[in-house]
């Protein structure tokens, strides 16, 4: 396996026209490359980067013939390419989320939807959700054990889920409770199944696809109730939840989103912002418990109105413990040029984020955990990529940044986190996201009452 993944000297055969110039890569059966990328993706991409450098080619079963790029300049060219030439990768999460998801859209339709989705996640719109974030954090951490090690991943999952259900879905009461039960199951199973072929015949209620379909059907019923409640609210136009904003917003031509588009888009916002944010926060606690000097400074900062170091620490965790490790595109033009390489139509291009974040071209001493690098300077949008890049960059990044900042501040104001000299936790592939293998375990004790 080691020979196949990182040491083979053979390159992918060039079976395309002579004008094409593909980067080298390992020659291996499609099934083998697919299995390798499923069971050991981080390890495989790291080994291939060491072997081939800034770009390499793989032929896999999911995205087909694919060029991986691992340096910031190549990432810049990918993200700035004309979306008509280098567009939406296929397949993608729309297989799970539905055709109304922004993941399913490309070109003009994608730009149109992005323009509609952007306002709820910027400026004062996001500030309207701050109280919800603090309330959900306080509710969750009120049950934390003291003096005993526990994993933070699941508590973070509950916080991010509840924040999304309240701030984005506008859910409350019985609908909120039912969504709290069903949607985590749907997200967890769906993230594991999204890369697998979808059966053509009836799923069967005992199959994974059958369970996904059943949960989706329950979701649609609850969503109809939520929409009816919003429309019946006499204060409808002053509501701040994203569902209400989508129901009360139109495109430039005056048309509105359809019921299916709204349902698919809300699930997209959940899938994109729930486990990813929670996984990052679990890594935040895992990292801080191993950096006592930084933790002391952050605790002092939490008692003030300052946030620069806290936000920098979160950014450095996002760089050094990358949760989503790639962003993909598909070649629709006859060919595209990325660096010295000319890639033909039908190929996919993947930016290997987890290879750019530790790249010394982008970051000095990249393996050092140092939040101050974001206070004295700022990396470019093609060097720091936790939210992807270009026209398909995550629209909820501002929301996620505010949420993580408030969660960490709230925890640090209430608890002192004990430091540890234990080795750092390893990565664990939890579907799409990479989480701390032991769940980001920490030990806390109550702080003295703040004055």
Protein backbone atom coordinates (compact mmCIF):
# COMPACT_ATOMS: atom_id res chain seq x y z
CA UNK A 1 0.00 0.00 0.00
CA UNK A 2 2.84 2.40 0.83
CA UNK A 3 4.46 1.74 -2.53
CA UNK A 4 1.20 2.42 -4.36
CA UNK A 5 0.37 5.60 -2.47
CA UNK A 6 3.60 7.45 -2.31
CA UNK A 7 6.65 5.75 -3.77
CA UNK A 8 5.64 4.54 -7.23
CA UNK A 9 7.58 6.14 -10.06
CA UNK A 10 5.10 5.38 -12.86
CA UNK A 11 2.89 8.25 -14.01
CA UNK A 12 -0.64 8.38 -15.28
CA UNK A 13 -0.70 7.64 -18.99
CA UNK A 14 -1.47 10.64 -21.15
CA UNK A 15 -4.34 9.47 -23.35
CA UNK A 16 -5.61 12.95 -24.19
CA UNK A 17 -4.59 15.25 -27.07
CA UNK A 18 -0.97 16.40 -27.22
CA UNK A 19 -1.91 19.97 -26.22
CA UNK A 20 -2.79 18.62 -22.81
CA UNK A 21 -0.10 18.74 -20.15
CA UNK A 22 -1.10 16.81 -17.04
CA UNK A 23 0.91 16.60 -13.83
CA UNK A 24 2.37 13.18 -13.01
CA UNK A 25 0.73 10.78 -10.61
CA UNK A 26 0.62 7.18 -9.45
CA UNK A 27 -0.66 4.48 -11.76
CA UNK A 28 -3.18 2.38 -9.86
CA UNK A 29 -6.58 0.78 -10.53
CA UNK A 30 -9.51 3.14 -10.08
CA UNK A 31 -10.96 0.94 -7.33
CA UNK A 32 -7.68 1.04 -5.40
CA UNK A 33 -7.37 4.82 -5.59
CA UNK A 34 -11.01 5.19 -4.54
CA UNK A 35 -10.57 2.91 -1.53
CA UNK A 36 -7.38 4.70 -0.55
CA UNK A 37 -9.02 8.12 -0.65
CA UNK A 38 -11.98 6.86 1.39
CA UNK A 39 -10.10 5.07 4.18
CA UNK A 40 -6.89 7.13 4.37
CA UNK A 41 -7.40 10.35 2.44
CA UNK A 42 -5.23 12.67 4.54
CA UNK A 43 -2.36 10.20 4.63
CA UNK A 44 -2.58 9.45 0.92
CA UNK A 45 -2.68 13.10 -0.17
CA UNK A 46 0.24 13.93 2.11
CA UNK A 47 2.34 11.09 0.68
CA UNK A 48 1.47 12.00 -2.90
CA UNK A 49 2.35 15.65 -2.25
CA UNK A 50 5.74 14.62 -0.92
CA UNK A 51 6.28 12.43 -3.96
CA UNK A 52 5.00 14.69 -6.76
CA UNK A 53 5.05 18.22 -5.34
CA UNK A 54 2.68 21.02 -6.30
CA UNK A 55 0.30 18.95 -8.45
CA UNK A 56 -0.49 15.33 -9.27
CA UNK A 57 -3.13 13.34 -11.14
CA UNK A 58 -5.31 10.48 -9.89
CA UNK A 59 -8.02 8.48 -11.62
CA UNK A 60 -10.68 7.66 -9.02
CA UNK A 61 -14.24 6.29 -9.03
CA UNK A 62 -15.96 9.34 -7.49
CA UNK A 63 -14.64 12.36 -9.39
CA UNK A 64 -12.98 10.46 -12.23
CA UNK A 65 -9.68 11.79 -13.56
CA UNK A 66 -8.61 14.44 -11.09
CA UNK A 67 -5.75 16.89 -10.72
CA UNK A 68 -4.84 17.81 -7.14
CA UNK A 69 -3.05 21.12 -6.52
CA UNK A 70 -1.18 21.75 -3.28
CA UNK A 71 0.34 25.26 -3.49
CA UNK A 72 -1.27 28.69 -2.92
CA UNK A 73 -0.51 30.09 -6.38
CA UNK A 74 -2.20 27.15 -8.09
CA UNK A 75 -5.13 27.46 -5.68
CA UNK A 76 -5.42 31.14 -6.62
CA UNK A 77 -5.66 30.24 -10.30
CA UNK A 78 -8.31 27.61 -9.61
CA UNK A 79 -10.49 29.92 -7.51
CA UNK A 80 -10.17 32.89 -9.87
CA UNK A 81 -10.90 30.88 -13.01
CA UNK A 82 -14.04 31.70 -14.97
CA UNK A 83 -16.84 29.59 -13.40
CA UNK A 84 -18.04 28.79 -16.92
CA UNK A 85 -14.67 27.15 -17.58
CA UNK A 86 -13.95 25.65 -14.18
CA UNK A 87 -17.28 25.09 -12.48
CA UNK A 88 -19.15 23.02 -9.95
CA UNK A 89 -17.58 19.65 -9.22
CA UNK A 90 -19.74 16.57 -9.78
CA UNK A 91 -20.91 14.66 -7.84
CA UNK A 92 -21.33 16.87 -4.79
CA UNK A 93 -23.44 17.24 -1.67
CA UNK A 94 -26.53 18.09 -3.72
CA UNK A 95 -26.98 14.31 -4.10
CA UNK A 96 -27.99 14.38 -0.45
CA UNK A 97 -29.35 17.91 -0.06
CA UNK A 98 -31.51 18.08 -3.19
CA UNK A 99 -31.61 19.99 -6.49
CA UNK A 100 -32.65 23.21 -4.76
CA UNK A 101 -29.38 23.40 -2.84
CA UNK A 102 -26.75 25.97 -3.81
CA UNK A 103 -24.42 22.97 -4.17
CA UNK A 104 -26.48 21.87 -7.17
CA UNK A 105 -26.21 25.19 -8.99
CA UNK A 106 -23.63 26.54 -11.40
CA UNK A 107 -22.97 29.62 -13.50
CA UNK A 108 -25.60 32.39 -13.48
CA UNK A 109 -28.03 30.39 -11.31
CA UNK A 110 -25.36 29.92 -8.68
CA UNK A 111 -24.49 33.65 -8.63
CA UNK A 112 -28.18 34.51 -8.40
CA UNK A 113 -28.69 32.25 -5.38
CA UNK A 114 -25.52 33.42 -3.67
CA UNK A 115 -26.67 37.02 -3.96
CA UNK A 116 -29.92 36.04 -2.27
CA UNK A 117 -28.21 34.09 0.54
CA UNK A 118 -25.49 36.59 1.40
CA UNK A 119 -27.45 39.34 3.27
CA UNK A 120 -28.65 37.14 6.18
CA UNK A 121 -25.04 36.26 7.06
CA UNK A 122 -23.42 39.68 7.24
CA UNK A 123 -23.30 42.74 9.49
CA UNK A 124 -26.15 43.42 11.85
CA UNK A 125 -28.06 40.37 10.63
CA UNK A 126 -25.44 38.13 12.26
CA UNK A 127 -25.34 40.27 15.40
CA UNK A 128 -29.05 39.58 15.84
CA UNK A 129 -28.13 35.93 16.49
CA UNK A 130 -25.51 36.61 19.18
CA UNK A 131 -27.90 36.23 22.09
CA UNK A 132 -29.09 32.85 20.78
CA UNK A 133 -25.48 31.65 20.56
CA UNK A 134 -24.72 32.71 24.12
CA UNK A 135 -27.96 31.21 25.47
CA UNK A 136 -27.36 27.84 23.82
CA UNK A 137 -23.75 27.77 25.02
CA UNK A 138 -24.72 28.58 28.60
CA UNK A 139 -27.45 25.96 28.56
CA UNK A 140 -25.06 23.27 27.32
CA UNK A 141 -22.09 24.02 29.56
CA UNK A 142 -24.28 24.23 32.68
CA UNK A 143 -24.16 20.42 32.69
CA UNK A 144 -20.41 20.04 32.16
CA UNK A 145 -18.65 17.86 34.75
CA UNK A 146 -15.87 19.50 36.75
CA UNK A 147 -12.57 17.87 37.58
CA UNK A 148 -13.24 15.05 35.14
CA UNK A 149 -12.09 14.61 31.54
CA UNK A 150 -14.85 14.66 28.92
CA UNK A 151 -15.10 15.04 25.12
CA UNK A 152 -16.24 18.43 23.81
CA UNK A 153 -17.26 17.32 20.31
CA UNK A 154 -20.79 16.22 21.14
CA UNK A 155 -21.54 19.27 23.34
CA UNK A 156 -20.32 21.47 20.50
CA UNK A 157 -22.51 19.55 18.07
CA UNK A 158 -25.53 20.23 20.26
CA UNK A 159 -24.72 23.93 20.54
CA UNK A 160 -24.22 24.44 16.80
CA UNK A 161 -27.32 22.40 15.97
CA UNK A 162 -29.54 24.33 18.37
CA UNK A 163 -28.19 27.67 17.17
CA UNK A 164 -28.94 26.76 13.56
CA UNK A 165 -32.42 25.47 14.35
CA UNK A 166 -33.31 28.67 16.19
CA UNK A 167 -31.45 31.29 14.16
CA UNK A 168 -31.82 29.81 10.68
CA UNK A 169 -34.94 27.61 10.85
CA UNK A 170 -36.74 29.81 13.36
CA UNK A 171 -37.85 26.61 15.11
CA UNK A 172 -39.31 26.48 18.60
CA UNK A 173 -41.52 24.22 20.69
CA UNK A 174 -42.40 20.76 19.40
CA UNK A 175 -40.87 21.38 15.96
CA UNK A 176 -37.55 22.38 17.53
CA UNK A 177 -37.48 19.25 19.68
CA UNK A 178 -38.28 16.94 16.76
CA UNK A 179 -35.64 18.50 14.52
CA UNK A 180 -33.11 18.17 17.35
CA UNK A 181 -33.77 14.43 17.35
CA UNK A 182 -33.97 13.70 13.61
CA UNK A 183 -31.56 16.04 11.85
CA UNK A 184 -28.34 14.93 13.60
CA UNK A 185 -29.08 11.35 12.52
CA UNK A 186 -29.70 12.52 8.96
CA UNK A 187 -26.49 14.60 8.84
CA UNK A 188 -24.30 11.91 10.39
CA UNK A 189 -25.50 9.10 8.14
CA UNK A 190 -25.70 11.31 5.05
CA UNK A 191 -22.12 12.52 5.38
CA UNK A 192 -20.97 8.91 5.41
CA UNK A 193 -23.13 7.87 2.46
CA UNK A 194 -22.64 10.89 0.18
CA UNK A 195 -19.65 9.39 -1.64
CA UNK A 196 -21.37 6.06 -2.31
CA UNK A 197 -23.53 5.21 -5.35
CA UNK A 198 -27.26 5.84 -4.92
CA UNK A 199 -29.30 2.71 -5.69
CA UNK A 200 -31.72 3.00 -8.60
CA UNK A 201 -34.41 0.75 -7.14
CA UNK A 202 -36.49 1.33 -4.03
CA UNK A 203 -34.20 1.80 -1.06
CA UNK A 204 -36.10 -0.31 1.45
CA UNK A 205 -36.79 1.11 4.88
CA UNK A 206 -34.04 -0.90 6.57
CA UNK A 207 -31.27 0.29 4.23
CA UNK A 208 -29.20 3.42 4.93
CA UNK A 209 -30.77 5.19 1.95
CA UNK A 210 -34.20 4.17 3.17
CA UNK A 211 -33.52 5.67 6.59
CA UNK A 212 -32.29 8.88 4.98
CA UNK A 213 -35.47 9.08 2.91
CA UNK A 214 -37.67 8.51 5.97
CA UNK A 215 -35.93 11.26 7.97
CA UNK A 216 -36.16 13.57 4.99
CA UNK A 217 -39.91 12.96 4.72
CA UNK A 218 -40.36 13.83 8.41
CA UNK A 219 -38.32 16.97 7.88
CA UNK A 220 -40.54 18.10 5.01
CA UNK A 221 -43.64 17.81 7.21
CA UNK A 222 -42.04 19.86 9.98
CA UNK A 223 -40.81 22.46 7.50
CA UNK A 224 -44.34 22.93 6.16
CA UNK A 225 -45.46 23.64 9.73
CA UNK A 226 -42.61 26.13 10.26
CA UNK A 227 -43.43 27.95 7.02
CA UNK A 228 -47.12 28.11 7.96
CA UNK A 229 -46.23 29.53 11.38
CA UNK A 230 -43.96 32.16 9.85
CA UNK A 231 -46.58 33.28 7.35
CA UNK A 232 -49.20 33.47 10.11
CA UNK A 233 -46.97 35.57 12.37
CA UNK A 234 -48.33 39.15 12.44
CA UNK A 235 -44.74 40.33 12.98
CA UNK A 236 -43.51 38.32 9.97
CA UNK A 237 -41.61 41.16 8.31
CA UNK A 238 -39.60 41.91 11.46
CA UNK A 239 -38.46 38.36 12.13
CA UNK A 240 -34.71 37.74 11.92
CA UNK A 241 -34.50 33.97 11.36
CA UNK A 242 -33.18 33.00 7.94
CA UNK A 243 -36.31 31.05 6.98
CA UNK A 244 -38.38 34.22 7.39
CA UNK A 245 -35.83 36.24 5.42
CA UNK A 246 -35.90 33.75 2.55
CA UNK A 247 -39.70 33.78 2.51
CA UNK A 248 -39.65 37.57 2.50
CA UNK A 249 -36.94 38.04 -0.16
CA UNK A 250 -37.04 37.93 -3.95
CA UNK A 251 -34.51 37.77 -6.74
CA UNK A 252 -33.77 40.89 -8.80
CA UNK A 253 -36.49 39.92 -11.26
CA UNK A 254 -39.11 39.78 -8.49
CA UNK A 255 -39.43 35.98 -8.34
CA UNK A 256 -39.17 34.12 -5.04
CA UNK A 257 -37.50 30.87 -4.04
CA UNK A 258 -39.73 27.84 -4.39
CA UNK A 259 -40.77 25.69 -1.44
CA UNK A 260 -38.34 22.95 -2.54
CA UNK A 261 -35.48 25.40 -2.93
CA UNK A 262 -36.06 26.78 0.57
CA UNK A 263 -36.22 23.29 2.06
CA UNK A 264 -33.05 22.17 0.29
CA UNK A 265 -31.22 25.39 1.14
CA UNK A 266 -32.01 25.22 4.84
CA UNK A 267 -30.63 21.69 4.93
CA UNK A 268 -27.56 22.96 3.08
CA UNK A 269 -26.97 25.62 5.70
CA UNK A 270 -27.36 22.98 8.39
CA UNK A 271 -25.00 20.50 6.71
CA UNK A 272 -22.39 23.17 5.96
CA UNK A 273 -22.45 24.88 9.36
CA UNK A 274 -23.30 22.26 11.96
CA UNK A 275 -20.66 19.54 12.25
CA UNK A 276 -17.92 21.61 10.62
CA UNK A 277 -18.19 24.38 13.23
CA UNK A 278 -18.57 21.87 16.06
CA UNK A 279 -15.53 19.91 14.89
CA UNK A 280 -13.45 23.09 14.74
CA UNK A 281 -14.45 23.99 18.29
CA UNK A 282 -13.52 20.53 19.56
CA UNK A 283 -10.09 21.08 18.01
CA UNK A 284 -9.94 24.54 19.64
CA UNK A 285 -10.35 23.02 23.10
CA UNK A 286 -7.93 20.20 22.27
CA UNK A 287 -5.26 22.72 21.16
CA UNK A 288 -5.74 25.24 23.97
CA UNK A 289 -5.42 22.59 26.68
CA UNK A 290 -1.92 21.93 25.29
CA UNK A 291 -0.88 25.59 25.14
CA UNK A 292 -0.91 26.87 28.74
CA UNK A 293 0.61 30.31 28.08
CA UNK A 294 -1.87 31.05 25.30
CA UNK A 295 -4.75 29.70 27.39
CA UNK A 296 -3.84 32.04 30.24
CA UNK A 297 -3.85 35.05 27.91
CA UNK A 298 -7.15 34.03 26.34
CA UNK A 299 -8.77 33.62 29.75
CA UNK A 300 -7.70 37.13 30.70
CA UNK A 301 -8.96 38.48 27.37
CA UNK A 302 -12.35 36.80 27.86
CA UNK A 303 -12.95 39.01 30.91
CA UNK A 304 -12.56 42.11 28.75
CA UNK A 305 -14.25 43.43 25.65
CA UNK A 306 -11.26 42.46 23.50
CA UNK A 307 -11.35 39.56 21.05
CA UNK A 308 -8.29 39.87 18.76
CA UNK A 309 -6.27 37.03 20.32
CA UNK A 310 -9.30 34.77 20.63
CA UNK A 311 -10.21 35.19 16.98
CA UNK A 312 -6.58 34.67 15.98
CA UNK A 313 -6.38 31.47 18.02
CA UNK A 314 -9.47 30.10 16.30
CA UNK A 315 -8.00 30.97 12.89
CA UNK A 316 -4.78 29.17 13.75
CA UNK A 317 -6.73 26.09 14.84
CA UNK A 318 -8.57 26.18 11.51
CA UNK A 319 -5.22 26.23 9.74
CA UNK A 320 -3.37 23.60 11.76
CA UNK A 321 -6.33 21.26 12.28
CA UNK A 322 -8.17 21.49 8.96
CA UNK A 323 -11.69 20.06 9.24
CA UNK A 324 -12.65 20.13 5.54
CA UNK A 325 -9.56 19.22 3.56
CA UNK A 326 -10.42 19.96 -0.07
CA UNK A 327 -12.39 22.18 -2.45
CA UNK A 328 -13.21 20.91 -5.94
CA UNK A 329 -14.05 22.16 -9.42
CA UNK A 330 -14.81 20.50 -12.77
CA UNK A 331 -13.38 21.42 -16.17
CA UNK A 332 -16.17 22.43 -18.58
CA UNK A 333 -14.04 24.38 -21.07
CA UNK A 334 -12.10 22.48 -23.78
CA UNK A 335 -9.16 22.92 -21.42
CA UNK A 336 -7.91 25.15 -18.61
CA UNK A 337 -4.37 26.12 -17.71
CA UNK A 338 -3.33 25.97 -14.07
CA UNK A 339 0.32 26.83 -13.68
CA UNK A 340 2.30 24.87 -16.23
CA UNK A 341 -0.45 22.28 -16.53
CA UNK A 342 -3.13 22.17 -19.23
CA UNK A 343 -6.13 20.16 -18.02
CA UNK A 344 -8.77 18.95 -20.51
CA UNK A 345 -12.56 18.96 -20.34
CA UNK A 346 -14.04 16.27 -18.14
CA UNK A 347 -11.30 16.35 -15.50
CA UNK A 348 -11.84 17.51 -11.94
CA UNK A 349 -9.47 19.85 -10.12
CA UNK A 350 -9.15 19.66 -6.35
CA UNK A 351 -7.41 22.17 -4.09
CA UNK A 352 -5.81 20.15 -1.28
CA UNK A 353 -6.44 22.57 1.58
CA UNK A 354 -4.69 20.41 4.16
CA UNK A 355 -1.48 20.62 2.08
CA UNK A 356 -1.67 24.39 1.55
CA UNK A 357 -2.18 25.24 5.23
CA UNK A 358 1.18 23.75 6.31
CA UNK A 359 2.98 24.98 3.18
CA UNK A 360 6.11 27.04 4.04
CA UNK A 361 5.45 29.17 0.96
CA UNK A 362 2.35 30.47 2.73
CA UNK A 363 3.34 30.37 6.41
CA UNK A 364 6.66 30.81 8.19
CA UNK A 365 7.49 27.82 10.40
CA UNK A 366 4.11 26.32 9.39
CA UNK A 367 4.08 23.50 11.94
CA UNK A 368 4.32 25.93 14.87
CA UNK A 369 1.00 26.77 16.51
CA UNK A 370 1.14 30.56 16.61
CA UNK A 371 -2.03 32.70 16.66
CA UNK A 372 0.05 35.88 16.65
CA UNK A 373 0.73 35.41 12.94
CA UNK A 374 -2.81 36.74 12.35
CA UNK A 375 -2.31 39.76 14.60
CA UNK A 376 0.90 40.96 12.97
CA UNK A 377 -0.31 40.12 9.46
CA UNK A 378 -2.94 38.28 7.49
CA UNK A 379 -2.61 35.45 4.95
CA UNK A 380 -4.16 35.81 1.53
CA UNK A 381 -7.50 34.29 0.58
CA UNK A 382 -5.57 31.58 -1.27
CA UNK A 383 -3.36 30.58 1.67
CA UNK A 384 -5.91 30.31 4.50
CA UNK A 385 -8.81 28.26 3.19
CA UNK A 386 -11.02 26.70 5.89
CA UNK A 387 -14.11 27.97 4.05
CA UNK A 388 -12.89 27.17 0.55
CA UNK A 389 -12.38 29.95 -1.94
CA UNK A 390 -13.58 31.82 -4.99
CA UNK A 391 -17.22 32.08 -6.00
CA UNK A 392 -18.11 28.95 -4.01
CA UNK A 393 -16.61 30.06 -0.70
CA UNK A 394 -18.90 29.22 2.21
CA UNK A 395 -21.51 32.02 2.49
CA UNK A 396 -21.93 31.37 6.23
CA UNK A 397 -18.28 32.01 7.17
CA UNK A 398 -19.07 35.23 9.07
CA UNK A 399 -21.82 33.48 11.01
CA UNK A 400 -19.43 30.63 11.90
CA UNK A 401 -16.68 33.04 12.99
CA UNK A 402 -19.03 34.94 15.29
CA UNK A 403 -20.45 31.71 16.69
CA UNK A 404 -17.05 30.20 17.51
CA UNK A 405 -15.82 33.43 19.08
CA UNK A 406 -18.87 33.70 21.36
CA UNK A 407 -18.83 30.03 22.34
CA UNK A 408 -15.17 30.20 23.34
CA UNK A 409 -15.62 33.48 25.23
CA UNK A 410 -18.62 32.10 27.13
CA UNK A 411 -16.76 28.93 28.13
CA UNK A 412 -13.62 30.81 29.23
CA UNK A 413 -15.66 33.21 31.37
CA UNK A 414 -17.25 30.35 33.29
CA UNK A 415 -14.55 27.68 33.40
CA UNK A 416 -10.83 27.31 33.83
CA UNK A 417 -9.55 24.69 31.39
CA UNK A 418 -6.86 22.46 32.85
CA UNK A 419 -3.76 22.03 30.71
CA UNK A 420 -2.24 18.70 29.78
CA UNK A 421 1.06 17.33 28.51
CA UNK A 422 -0.65 14.40 26.77
CA UNK A 423 0.10 13.95 23.06
CA UNK A 424 -2.24 15.76 20.72
CA UNK A 425 -5.28 13.84 19.52
CA UNK A 426 -5.10 12.25 16.10
CA UNK A 427 -7.49 12.93 13.23
CA UNK A 428 -10.67 10.93 12.89
CA UNK A 429 -12.69 10.91 9.65
CA UNK A 430 -16.31 11.47 10.62
CA UNK A 431 -17.89 11.46 7.19
CA UNK A 432 -16.97 14.72 5.48
CA UNK A 433 -15.31 16.40 8.48
CA UNK A 434 -12.12 15.48 10.35
CA UNK A 435 -12.52 15.57 14.13
CA UNK A 436 -10.26 14.90 17.13
CA UNK A 437 -10.12 11.13 17.54
CA UNK A 438 -10.98 11.27 21.25
CA UNK A 439 -13.54 14.03 20.81
CA UNK A 440 -11.39 16.97 21.95
CA UNK A 441 -11.24 15.96 25.61
CA UNK A 442 -10.68 18.56 28.31
CA UNK A 443 -11.01 18.89 32.07
CA UNK A 444 -12.56 22.04 33.53
CA UNK A 445 -13.18 23.60 36.90
CA UNK A 446 -15.42 26.56 37.75
CA UNK A 447 -13.75 29.94 37.79
CA UNK A 448 -14.08 32.34 40.70
CA UNK A 449 -17.02 34.69 40.26
CA UNK A 450 -16.08 37.52 37.89
CA UNK A 451 -16.53 41.05 39.22
